[in-house]
Amino acid sequence: MQHLWSRWSKEYISELQQRVKWKSRTKDLVKPGALVVVKEDNAPPLRWKMGRIVAVHQSKDDVARVATIKIEGGVIKRSFTKICVLPMEVDTSECNSAENQTEYV
């Protein structure tokens, strides 16, 4: 079992993590609302926290490198190198139809 988690943390999570040079614009890669896993070097993968990006911060040279993430128990700031965006798409049509139903009820 340990071998499985070791491979998962090294291969799959590394594959999800965006590796781009700071020269390219990363604002399209990490967006507010995205679901992420926060990597922690001193914790096993099962202890890594999941959260949702609240804000992306631009530096003086107009390149985003840090995100504010809402996790269980609070809000943290992490570098893009320490987060992995999960490959999920939010279907806004379902959210909108649910909102419309509650409005008219």
PDB file of N, CA and C in Angstrom:
ATOM      1  N   MET A   1       0.826  -1.187   0.000  1.00  0.00           N
ATOM      2  CA  MET A   1       0.000   0.000   0.000  1.00  0.00           C
ATOM      3  C   MET A   1       0.876   1.258   0.000  1.00  0.00           C
ATOM      4  N   GLN A   2       1.958   1.205   0.771  1.00  0.00           N
ATOM      5  CA  GLN A   2       2.860   2.356   0.822  1.00  0.00           C
ATOM      6  C   GLN A   2       3.453   2.633  -0.557  1.00  0.00           C
ATOM      7  N   HIS A   3       3.753   1.563  -1.293  1.00  0.00           N
ATOM      8  CA  HIS A   3       4.301   1.717  -2.642  1.00  0.00           C
ATOM      9  C   HIS A   3       3.305   2.451  -3.547  1.00  0.00           C
ATOM     10  N   LEU A   4       2.032   2.112  -3.429  1.00  0.00           N
ATOM     11  CA  LEU A   4       0.996   2.772  -4.224  1.00  0.00           C
ATOM     12  C   LEU A   4       0.961   4.271  -3.939  1.00  0.00           C
ATOM     13  N   TRP A   5       0.947   4.648  -2.667  1.00  0.00           N
ATOM     14  CA  TRP A   5       0.902   6.071  -2.312  1.00  0.00           C
ATOM     15  C   TRP A   5       2.172   6.794  -2.731  1.00  0.00           C
ATOM     16  N   SER A   6       3.275   6.112  -2.642  1.00  0.00           N
ATOM     17  CA  SER A   6       4.540   6.710  -3.055  1.00  0.00           C
ATOM     18  C   SER A   6       4.523   7.019  -4.551  1.00  0.00           C
ATOM     19  N   ARG A   7       4.086   6.048  -5.342  1.00  0.00           N
ATOM     20  CA  ARG A   7       4.001   6.274  -6.795  1.00  0.00           C
ATOM     21  C   ARG A   7       2.974   7.340  -7.128  1.00  0.00           C
ATOM     22  N   TRP A   8       1.824   7.313  -6.442  1.00  0.00           N
ATOM     23  CA  TRP A   8       0.760   8.286  -6.703  1.00  0.00           C
ATOM     24  C   TRP A   8       1.251   9.697  -6.424  1.00  0.00           C
ATOM     25  N   SER A   9       1.926   9.883  -5.298  1.00  0.00           N
ATOM     26  CA  SER A   9       2.369  11.229  -4.939  1.00  0.00           C
ATOM     27  C   SER A   9       3.480  11.724  -5.851  1.00  0.00           C
ATOM     28  N   LYS A  10       4.326  10.824  -6.307  1.00  0.00           N
ATOM     29  CA  LYS A  10       5.445  11.243  -7.147  1.00  0.00           C
ATOM     30  C   LYS A  10       5.060  11.391  -8.610  1.00  0.00           C
ATOM     31  N   GLU A  11       4.216  10.510  -9.113  1.00  0.00           N
ATOM     32  CA  GLU A  11       3.907  10.505 -10.535  1.00  0.00           C
ATOM     33  C   GLU A  11       2.626  11.264 -10.875  1.00  0.00           C
ATOM     34  N   TYR A  12       1.515  10.857 -10.304  1.00  0.00           N
ATOM     35  CA  TYR A  12       0.232  11.449 -10.688  1.00  0.00           C
ATOM     36  C   TYR A  12       0.121  12.907 -10.260  1.00  0.00           C
ATOM     37  N   ILE A  13       0.432  13.197  -9.012  1.00  0.00           N
ATOM     38  CA  ILE A  13       0.327  14.572  -8.527  1.00  0.00           C
ATOM     39  C   ILE A  13       1.314  15.470  -9.258  1.00  0.00           C
ATOM     40  N   SER A  14       2.506  14.970  -9.525  1.00  0.00           N
ATOM     41  CA  SER A  14       3.482  15.762 -10.276  1.00  0.00           C
ATOM     42  C   SER A  14       2.991  16.042 -11.689  1.00  0.00           C
ATOM     43  N   GLU A  15       2.261  15.098 -12.247  1.00  0.00           N
ATOM     44  CA  GLU A  15       1.702  15.288 -13.579  1.00  0.00           C
ATOM     45  C   GLU A  15       0.621  16.374 -13.585  1.00  0.00           C
ATOM     46  N   LEU A  16      -0.155  16.442 -12.509  1.00  0.00           N
ATOM     47  CA  LEU A  16      -1.200  17.461 -12.414  1.00  0.00           C
ATOM     48  C   LEU A  16      -0.631  18.856 -12.209  1.00  0.00           C
ATOM     49  N   GLN A  17       0.497  18.924 -11.533  1.00  0.00           N
ATOM     50  CA  GLN A  17       1.066  20.220 -11.190  1.00  0.00           C
ATOM     51  C   GLN A  17       1.579  20.901 -12.447  1.00  0.00           C
ATOM     52  N   GLN A  18       1.163  22.133 -12.625  1.00  0.00           N
ATOM     53  CA  GLN A  18       1.584  22.905 -13.782  1.00  0.00           C
ATOM     54  C   GLN A  18       3.031  23.342 -13.597  1.00  0.00           C
ATOM     55  N   ARG A  19       3.846  23.069 -14.569  1.00  0.00           N
ATOM     56  CA  ARG A  19       5.242  23.497 -14.511  1.00  0.00           C
ATOM     57  C   ARG A  19       5.474  24.443 -15.679  1.00  0.00           C
ATOM     58  N   VAL A  20       5.406  25.704 -15.381  1.00  0.00           N
ATOM     59  CA  VAL A  20       5.602  26.712 -16.415  1.00  0.00           C
ATOM     60  C   VAL A  20       6.653  27.694 -15.944  1.00  0.00           C
ATOM     61  N   LYS A  21       7.358  28.260 -16.876  1.00  0.00           N
ATOM     62  CA  LYS A  21       8.322  29.297 -16.542  1.00  0.00           C
ATOM     63  C   LYS A  21       7.558  30.559 -16.185  1.00  0.00           C
ATOM     64  N   TRP A  22       8.143  31.368 -15.323  1.00  0.00           N
ATOM     65  CA  TRP A  22       7.476  32.600 -14.904  1.00  0.00           C
ATOM     66  C   TRP A  22       7.295  33.558 -16.067  1.00  0.00           C
ATOM     67  N   LYS A  23       8.027  33.346 -17.152  1.00  0.00           N
ATOM     68  CA  LYS A  23       7.901  34.238 -18.304  1.00  0.00           C
ATOM     69  C   LYS A  23       6.519  34.145 -18.938  1.00  0.00           C
ATOM     70  N   SER A  24       5.925  32.969 -18.898  1.00  0.00           N
ATOM     71  CA  SER A  24       4.594  32.817 -19.489  1.00  0.00           C
ATOM     72  C   SER A  24       3.529  33.207 -18.472  1.00  0.00           C
ATOM     73  N   ARG A  25       2.412  33.645 -18.958  1.00  0.00           N
ATOM     74  CA  ARG A  25       1.311  34.060 -18.087  1.00  0.00           C
ATOM     75  C   ARG A  25       0.587  32.830 -17.572  1.00  0.00           C
ATOM     76  N   THR A  26       0.394  32.746 -16.259  1.00  0.00           N
ATOM     77  CA  THR A  26      -0.230  31.568 -15.667  1.00  0.00           C
ATOM     78  C   THR A  26      -1.644  31.827 -15.200  1.00  0.00           C
ATOM     79  N   LYS A  27      -2.177  33.027 -15.442  1.00  0.00           N
ATOM     80  CA  LYS A  27      -3.503  33.331 -14.911  1.00  0.00           C
ATOM     81  C   LYS A  27      -4.590  32.456 -15.525  1.00  0.00           C
ATOM     82  N   ASP A  28      -4.337  31.918 -16.728  1.00  0.00           N
ATOM     83  CA  ASP A  28      -5.326  31.037 -17.342  1.00  0.00           C
ATOM     84  C   ASP A  28      -5.271  29.628 -16.757  1.00  0.00           C
ATOM     85  N   LEU A  29      -4.167  29.279 -16.114  1.00  0.00           N
ATOM     86  CA  LEU A  29      -4.000  27.935 -15.574  1.00  0.00           C
ATOM     87  C   LEU A  29      -4.613  27.784 -14.187  1.00  0.00           C
ATOM     88  N   VAL A  30      -4.481  28.803 -13.361  1.00  0.00           N
ATOM     89  CA  VAL A  30      -4.980  28.756 -11.984  1.00  0.00           C
ATOM     90  C   VAL A  30      -5.998  29.876 -11.828  1.00  0.00           C
ATOM     91  N   LYS A  31      -7.263  29.498 -11.645  1.00  0.00           N
ATOM     92  CA  LYS A  31      -8.344  30.488 -11.583  1.00  0.00           C
ATOM     93  C   LYS A  31      -9.086  30.390 -10.264  1.00  0.00           C
ATOM     94  N   PRO A  32      -9.658  31.506  -9.805  1.00  0.00           N
ATOM     95  CA  PRO A  32     -10.519  31.442  -8.618  1.00  0.00           C
ATOM     96  C   PRO A  32     -11.670  30.463  -8.858  1.00  0.00           C
ATOM     97  N   GLY A  33     -11.964  29.681  -7.838  1.00  0.00           N
ATOM     98  CA  GLY A  33     -13.022  28.685  -7.937  1.00  0.00           C
ATOM     99  C   GLY A  33     -12.504  27.289  -8.234  1.00  0.00           C
ATOM    100  N   ALA A  34     -11.243  27.182  -8.663  1.00  0.00           N
ATOM    101  CA  ALA A  34     -10.677  25.873  -8.991  1.00  0.00           C
ATOM    102  C   ALA A  34     -10.421  25.067  -7.719  1.00  0.00           C
ATOM    103  N   LEU A  35     -10.649  23.775  -7.808  1.00  0.00           N
ATOM    104  CA  LEU A  35     -10.396  22.860  -6.699  1.00  0.00           C
ATOM    105  C   LEU A  35      -8.938  22.417  -6.770  1.00  0.00           C
ATOM    106  N   VAL A  36      -8.224  22.490  -5.636  1.00  0.00           N
ATOM    107  CA  VAL A  36      -6.801  22.184  -5.623  1.00  0.00           C
ATOM    108  C   VAL A  36      -6.434  21.264  -4.464  1.00  0.00           C
ATOM    109  N   VAL A  37      -5.290  20.616  -4.603  1.00  0.00           N
ATOM    110  CA  VAL A  37      -4.663  19.874  -3.519  1.00  0.00           C
ATOM    111  C   VAL A  37      -3.431  20.675  -3.123  1.00  0.00           C
ATOM    112  N   VAL A  38      -3.278  20.922  -1.819  1.00  0.00           N
ATOM    113  CA  VAL A  38      -2.139  21.689  -1.315  1.00  0.00           C
ATOM    114  C   VAL A  38      -1.057  20.702  -0.891  1.00  0.00           C
ATOM    115  N   LYS A  39       0.055  20.718  -1.612  1.00  0.00           N
ATOM    116  CA  LYS A  39       1.158  19.809  -1.309  1.00  0.00           C
ATOM    117  C   LYS A  39       1.885  20.281  -0.058  1.00  0.00           C
ATOM    118  N   GLU A  40       2.205  19.328   0.809  1.00  0.00           N
ATOM    119  CA  GLU A  40       2.982  19.625   2.007  1.00  0.00           C
ATOM    120  C   GLU A  40       4.139  18.640   2.062  1.00  0.00           C
ATOM    121  N   ASP A  41       5.349  19.162   2.088  1.00  0.00           N
ATOM    122  CA  ASP A  41       6.538  18.313   2.033  1.00  0.00           C
ATOM    123  C   ASP A  41       6.668  17.387   3.236  1.00  0.00           C
ATOM    124  N   ASN A  42       6.224  17.835   4.395  1.00  0.00           N
ATOM    125  CA  ASN A  42       6.411  17.054   5.621  1.00  0.00           C
ATOM    126  C   ASN A  42       5.212  16.184   5.979  1.00  0.00           C
ATOM    127  N   ALA A  43       4.269  16.034   5.070  1.00  0.00           N
ATOM    128  CA  ALA A  43       3.074  15.235   5.351  1.00  0.00           C
ATOM    129  C   ALA A  43       2.883  14.200   4.246  1.00  0.00           C
ATOM    130  N   PRO A  44       2.359  13.024   4.606  1.00  0.00           N
ATOM    131  CA  PRO A  44       2.072  12.026   3.575  1.00  0.00           C
ATOM    132  C   PRO A  44       0.907  12.498   2.703  1.00  0.00           C
ATOM    133  N   PRO A  45       0.814  12.004   1.483  1.00  0.00           N
ATOM    134  CA  PRO A  45      -0.234  12.462   0.564  1.00  0.00           C
ATOM    135  C   PRO A  45      -1.654  12.377   1.116  1.00  0.00           C
ATOM    136  N   LEU A  46      -1.931  11.403   1.962  1.00  0.00           N
ATOM    137  CA  LEU A  46      -3.280  11.306   2.529  1.00  0.00           C
ATOM    138  C   LEU A  46      -3.608  12.479   3.440  1.00  0.00           C
ATOM    139  N   ARG A  47      -2.617  13.179   3.911  1.00  0.00           N
ATOM    140  CA  ARG A  47      -2.814  14.319   4.813  1.00  0.00           C
ATOM    141  C   ARG A  47      -2.821  15.660   4.081  1.00  0.00           C
ATOM    142  N   TRP A  48      -2.545  15.654   2.779  1.00  0.00           N
ATOM    143  CA  TRP A  48      -2.572  16.899   2.021  1.00  0.00           C
ATOM    144  C   TRP A  48      -3.991  17.443   2.018  1.00  0.00           C
ATOM    145  N   LYS A  49      -4.103  18.745   2.129  1.00  0.00           N
ATOM    146  CA  LYS A  49      -5.415  19.379   2.235  1.00  0.00           C
ATOM    147  C   LYS A  49      -5.965  19.725   0.858  1.00  0.00           C
ATOM    148  N   MET A  50      -7.292  19.646   0.771  1.00  0.00           N
ATOM    149  CA  MET A  50      -7.973  20.095  -0.440  1.00  0.00           C
ATOM    150  C   MET A  50      -8.585  21.446  -0.150  1.00  0.00           C
ATOM    151  N   GLY A  51      -8.679  22.260  -1.173  1.00  0.00           N
ATOM    152  CA  GLY A  51      -9.266  23.571  -0.989  1.00  0.00           C
ATOM    153  C   GLY A  51      -9.733  24.148  -2.308  1.00  0.00           C
ATOM    154  N   ARG A  52     -10.269  25.351  -2.221  1.00  0.00           N
ATOM    155  CA  ARG A  52     -10.755  26.051  -3.403  1.00  0.00           C
ATOM    156  C   ARG A  52     -10.049  27.395  -3.487  1.00  0.00           C
ATOM    157  N   ILE A  53      -9.568  27.745  -4.669  1.00  0.00           N
ATOM    158  CA  ILE A  53      -8.865  29.014  -4.855  1.00  0.00           C
ATOM    159  C   ILE A  53      -9.855  30.159  -4.725  1.00  0.00           C
ATOM    160  N   VAL A  54      -9.509  31.113  -3.859  1.00  0.00           N
ATOM    161  CA  VAL A  54     -10.340  32.287  -3.624  1.00  0.00           C
ATOM    162  C   VAL A  54      -9.835  33.460  -4.457  1.00  0.00           C
ATOM    163  N   ALA A  55      -8.507  33.621  -4.521  1.00  0.00           N
ATOM    164  CA  ALA A  55      -7.915  34.741  -5.258  1.00  0.00           C
ATOM    165  C   ALA A  55      -6.541  34.350  -5.780  1.00  0.00           C
ATOM    166  N   VAL A  56      -6.161  34.979  -6.886  1.00  0.00           N
ATOM    167  CA  VAL A  56      -4.834  34.812  -7.464  1.00  0.00           C
ATOM    168  C   VAL A  56      -4.152  36.167  -7.384  1.00  0.00           C
ATOM    169  N   HIS A  57      -2.916  36.197  -6.878  1.00  0.00           N
ATOM    170  CA  HIS A  57      -2.221  37.458  -6.631  1.00  0.00           C
ATOM    171  C   HIS A  57      -1.154  37.714  -7.688  1.00  0.00           C
ATOM    172  N   GLN A  58      -1.177  38.911  -8.249  1.00  0.00           N
ATOM    173  CA  GLN A  58      -0.192  39.343  -9.235  1.00  0.00           C
ATOM    174  C   GLN A  58       0.989  39.987  -8.517  1.00  0.00           C
ATOM    175  N   SER A  59       2.185  39.757  -9.019  1.00  0.00           N
ATOM    176  CA  SER A  59       3.367  40.405  -8.458  1.00  0.00           C
ATOM    177  C   SER A  59       3.588  41.734  -9.173  1.00  0.00           C
ATOM    178  N   LYS A  60       4.654  42.439  -8.806  1.00  0.00           N
ATOM    179  CA  LYS A  60       4.936  43.741  -9.415  1.00  0.00           C
ATOM    180  C   LYS A  60       5.171  43.641 -10.912  1.00  0.00           C
ATOM    181  N   ASP A  61       5.687  42.505 -11.373  1.00  0.00           N
ATOM    182  CA  ASP A  61       5.923  42.327 -12.809  1.00  0.00           C
ATOM    183  C   ASP A  61       4.715  41.722 -13.525  1.00  0.00           C
ATOM    184  N   ASP A  62       3.558  41.751 -12.872  1.00  0.00           N
ATOM    185  CA  ASP A  62       2.277  41.327 -13.445  1.00  0.00           C
ATOM    186  C   ASP A  62       2.229  39.831 -13.784  1.00  0.00           C
ATOM    187  N   VAL A  63       2.937  39.033 -12.994  1.00  0.00           N
ATOM    188  CA  VAL A  63       2.900  37.582 -13.157  1.00  0.00           C
ATOM    189  C   VAL A  63       2.324  36.985 -11.880  1.00  0.00           C
ATOM    190  N   ALA A  64       1.332  36.117 -12.026  1.00  0.00           N
ATOM    191  CA  ALA A  64       0.716  35.473 -10.860  1.00  0.00           C
ATOM    192  C   ALA A  64       1.596  34.321 -10.402  1.00  0.00           C
ATOM    193  N   ARG A  65       1.913  34.318  -9.100  1.00  0.00           N
ATOM    194  CA  ARG A  65       2.735  33.251  -8.538  1.00  0.00           C
ATOM    195  C   ARG A  65       2.144  32.664  -7.267  1.00  0.00           C
ATOM    196  N   VAL A  66       1.164  33.346  -6.673  1.00  0.00           N
ATOM    197  CA  VAL A  66       0.613  32.959  -5.379  1.00  0.00           C
ATOM    198  C   VAL A  66      -0.907  32.972  -5.449  1.00  0.00           C
ATOM    199  N   ALA A  67      -1.530  32.028  -4.731  1.00  0.00           N
ATOM    200  CA  ALA A  67      -2.991  31.969  -4.668  1.00  0.00           C
ATOM    201  C   ALA A  67      -3.435  31.921  -3.214  1.00  0.00           C
ATOM    202  N   THR A  68      -4.585  32.531  -2.939  1.00  0.00           N
ATOM    203  CA  THR A  68      -5.235  32.396  -1.639  1.00  0.00           C
ATOM    204  C   THR A  68      -6.219  31.248  -1.766  1.00  0.00           C
ATOM    205  N   ILE A  69      -6.145  30.311  -0.825  1.00  0.00           N
ATOM    206  CA  ILE A  69      -6.933  29.085  -0.901  1.00  0.00           C
ATOM    207  C   ILE A  69      -7.749  28.914   0.363  1.00  0.00           C
ATOM    208  N   LYS A  70      -9.043  28.648   0.193  1.00  0.00           N
ATOM    209  CA  LYS A  70      -9.915  28.366   1.334  1.00  0.00           C
ATOM    210  C   LYS A  70      -9.874  26.868   1.579  1.00  0.00           C
ATOM    211  N   ILE A  71      -9.431  26.506   2.781  1.00  0.00           N
ATOM    212  CA  ILE A  71      -9.384  25.104   3.183  1.00  0.00           C
ATOM    213  C   ILE A  71     -10.240  24.943   4.426  1.00  0.00           C
ATOM    214  N   GLU A  72     -10.448  23.702   4.823  1.00  0.00           N
ATOM    215  CA  GLU A  72     -11.195  23.456   6.050  1.00  0.00           C
ATOM    216  C   GLU A  72     -10.418  24.072   7.211  1.00  0.00           C
ATOM    217  N   GLY A  73     -11.063  24.948   7.922  1.00  0.00           N
ATOM    218  CA  GLY A  73     -10.422  25.562   9.080  1.00  0.00           C
ATOM    219  C   GLY A  73      -9.758  26.894   8.814  1.00  0.00           C
ATOM    220  N   GLY A  74      -9.841  27.422   7.598  1.00  0.00           N
ATOM    221  CA  GLY A  74      -9.244  28.731   7.377  1.00  0.00           C
ATOM    222  C   GLY A  74      -8.904  29.030   5.934  1.00  0.00           C
ATOM    223  N   VAL A  75      -8.085  30.062   5.779  1.00  0.00           N
ATOM    224  CA  VAL A  75      -7.650  30.522   4.465  1.00  0.00           C
ATOM    225  C   VAL A  75      -6.127  30.611   4.501  1.00  0.00           C
ATOM    226  N   ILE A  76      -5.472  30.100   3.450  1.00  0.00           N
ATOM    227  CA  ILE A  76      -4.013  30.125   3.387  1.00  0.00           C
ATOM    228  C   ILE A  76      -3.560  30.701   2.055  1.00  0.00           C
ATOM    229  N   LYS A  77      -2.302  31.141   1.996  1.00  0.00           N
ATOM    230  CA  LYS A  77      -1.676  31.566   0.747  1.00  0.00           C
ATOM    231  C   LYS A  77      -0.582  30.569   0.421  1.00  0.00           C
ATOM    232  N   ARG A  78      -0.542  30.127  -0.841  1.00  0.00           N
ATOM    233  CA  ARG A  78       0.487  29.185  -1.269  1.00  0.00           C
ATOM    234  C   ARG A  78       0.980  29.547  -2.665  1.00  0.00           C
ATOM    235  N   SER A  79       2.228  29.228  -2.903  1.00  0.00           N
ATOM    236  CA  SER A  79       2.837  29.394  -4.211  1.00  0.00           C
ATOM    237  C   SER A  79       2.222  28.384  -5.180  1.00  0.00           C
ATOM    238  N   PHE A  80       2.196  28.730  -6.455  1.00  0.00           N
ATOM    239  CA  PHE A  80       1.680  27.805  -7.464  1.00  0.00           C
ATOM    240  C   PHE A  80       2.479  26.504  -7.472  1.00  0.00           C
ATOM    241  N   THR A  81       3.737  26.551  -7.049  1.00  0.00           N
ATOM    242  CA  THR A  81       4.554  25.337  -7.039  1.00  0.00           C
ATOM    243  C   THR A  81       4.119  24.364  -5.957  1.00  0.00           C
ATOM    244  N   LYS A  82       3.311  24.812  -4.997  1.00  0.00           N
ATOM    245  CA  LYS A  82       2.859  23.966  -3.892  1.00  0.00           C
ATOM    246  C   LYS A  82       1.393  23.569  -4.006  1.00  0.00           C
ATOM    247  N   ILE A  83       0.767  23.855  -5.151  1.00  0.00           N
ATOM    248  CA  ILE A  83      -0.627  23.449  -5.337  1.00  0.00           C
ATOM    249  C   ILE A  83      -0.775  22.681  -6.643  1.00  0.00           C
ATOM    250  N   CYS A  84      -1.745  21.797  -6.664  1.00  0.00           N
ATOM    251  CA  CYS A  84      -2.076  21.030  -7.866  1.00  0.00           C
ATOM    252  C   CYS A  84      -3.552  21.241  -8.155  1.00  0.00           C
ATOM    253  N   VAL A  85      -3.842  21.801  -9.308  1.00  0.00           N
ATOM    254  CA  VAL A  85      -5.230  22.007  -9.708  1.00  0.00           C
ATOM    255  C   VAL A  85      -5.800  20.666 -10.143  1.00  0.00           C
ATOM    256  N   LEU A  86      -6.937  20.294  -9.573  1.00  0.00           N
ATOM    257  CA  LEU A  86      -7.572  19.029  -9.934  1.00  0.00           C
ATOM    258  C   LEU A  86      -8.300  19.179 -11.264  1.00  0.00           C
ATOM    259  N   PRO A  87      -8.231  18.175 -12.117  1.00  0.00           N
ATOM    260  CA  PRO A  87      -8.833  18.263 -13.450  1.00  0.00           C
ATOM    261  C   PRO A  87     -10.345  18.099 -13.399  1.00  0.00           C
ATOM    262  N   MET A  88     -11.024  19.169 -12.998  1.00  0.00           N
ATOM    263  CA  MET A  88     -12.483  19.154 -12.901  1.00  0.00           C
ATOM    264  C   MET A  88     -13.029  20.392 -13.582  1.00  0.00           C
ATOM    265  N   GLU A  89     -14.177  20.250 -14.197  1.00  0.00           N
ATOM    266  CA  GLU A  89     -14.862  21.394 -14.769  1.00  0.00           C
ATOM    267  C   GLU A  89     -16.195  21.545 -14.068  1.00  0.00           C
ATOM    268  N   VAL A  90     -16.529  22.781 -13.719  1.00  0.00           N
ATOM    269  CA  VAL A  90     -17.797  23.054 -13.066  1.00  0.00           C
ATOM    270  C   VAL A  90     -18.831  23.322 -14.142  1.00  0.00           C
ATOM    271  N   ASP A  91     -19.941  22.597 -14.090  1.00  0.00           N
ATOM    272  CA  ASP A  91     -21.025  22.795 -15.044  1.00  0.00           C
ATOM    273  C   ASP A  91     -21.939  23.874 -14.497  1.00  0.00           C
ATOM    274  N   THR A  92     -21.814  25.092 -15.034  1.00  0.00           N
ATOM    275  CA  THR A  92     -22.593  26.213 -14.520  1.00  0.00           C
ATOM    276  C   THR A  92     -24.059  26.118 -14.896  1.00  0.00           C
ATOM    277  N   SER A  93     -24.404  25.341 -15.918  1.00  0.00           N
ATOM    278  CA  SER A  93     -25.812  25.237 -16.301  1.00  0.00           C
ATOM    279  C   SER A  93     -26.616  24.545 -15.204  1.00  0.00           C
ATOM    280  N   GLU A  94     -26.008  23.556 -14.540  1.00  0.00           N
ATOM    281  CA  GLU A  94     -26.705  22.892 -13.442  1.00  0.00           C
ATOM    282  C   GLU A  94     -26.884  23.833 -12.265  1.00  0.00           C
ATOM    283  N   CYS A  95     -25.872  24.636 -11.987  1.00  0.00           N
ATOM    284  CA  CYS A  95     -25.962  25.593 -10.879  1.00  0.00           C
ATOM    285  C   CYS A  95     -27.036  26.634 -11.168  1.00  0.00           C
ATOM    286  N   ASN A  96     -27.061  27.133 -12.399  1.00  0.00           N
ATOM    287  CA  ASN A  96     -28.041  28.153 -12.760  1.00  0.00           C
ATOM    288  C   ASN A  96     -29.461  27.613 -12.700  1.00  0.00           C
ATOM    289  N   SER A  97     -29.675  26.375 -13.162  1.00  0.00           N
ATOM    290  CA  SER A  97     -31.029  25.828 -13.134  1.00  0.00           C
ATOM    291  C   SER A  97     -31.485  25.594 -11.700  1.00  0.00           C
ATOM    292  N   ALA A  98     -30.574  25.190 -10.827  1.00  0.00           N
ATOM    293  CA  ALA A  98     -30.926  24.996  -9.416  1.00  0.00           C
ATOM    294  C   ALA A  98     -31.265  26.329  -8.762  1.00  0.00           C
ATOM    295  N   GLU A  99     -30.519  27.387  -9.109  1.00  0.00           N
ATOM    296  CA  GLU A  99     -30.807  28.713  -8.555  1.00  0.00           C
ATOM    297  C   GLU A  99     -32.169  29.204  -9.023  1.00  0.00           C
ATOM    298  N   ASN A 100     -32.456  28.979 -10.303  1.00  0.00           N
ATOM    299  CA  ASN A 100     -33.739  29.424 -10.843  1.00  0.00           C
ATOM    300  C   ASN A 100     -34.898  28.704 -10.169  1.00  0.00           C
ATOM    301  N   GLN A 101     -34.739  27.419  -9.875  1.00  0.00           N
ATOM    302  CA  GLN A 101     -35.802  26.677  -9.220  1.00  0.00           C
ATOM    303  C   GLN A 101     -36.059  27.221  -7.829  1.00  0.00           C
ATOM    304  N   THR A 102     -35.017  27.560  -7.099  1.00  0.00           N
ATOM    305  CA  THR A 102     -35.220  28.066  -5.744  1.00  0.00           C
ATOM    306  C   THR A 102     -35.779  29.478  -5.758  1.00  0.00           C
ATOM    307  N   GLU A 103     -35.495  30.236  -6.820  1.00  0.00           N
ATOM    308  CA  GLU A 103     -36.040  31.589  -6.907  1.00  0.00           C
ATOM    309  C   GLU A 103     -37.557  31.567  -7.055  1.00  0.00           C
ATOM    310  N   TYR A 104     -38.056  30.635  -7.850  1.00  0.00           N
ATOM    311  CA  TYR A 104     -39.475  30.626  -8.169  1.00  0.00           C
ATOM    312  C   TYR A 104     -40.315  29.830  -7.185  1.00  0.00           C
ATOM    313  N   VAL A 105     -39.702  29.104  -6.289  1.00  0.00           N
ATOM    314  CA  VAL A 105     -40.463  28.273  -5.350  1.00  0.00           C
ATOM    315  C   VAL A 105     -40.977  29.097  -4.209  1.00  0.00           C
TER     316      VAL A 105
END
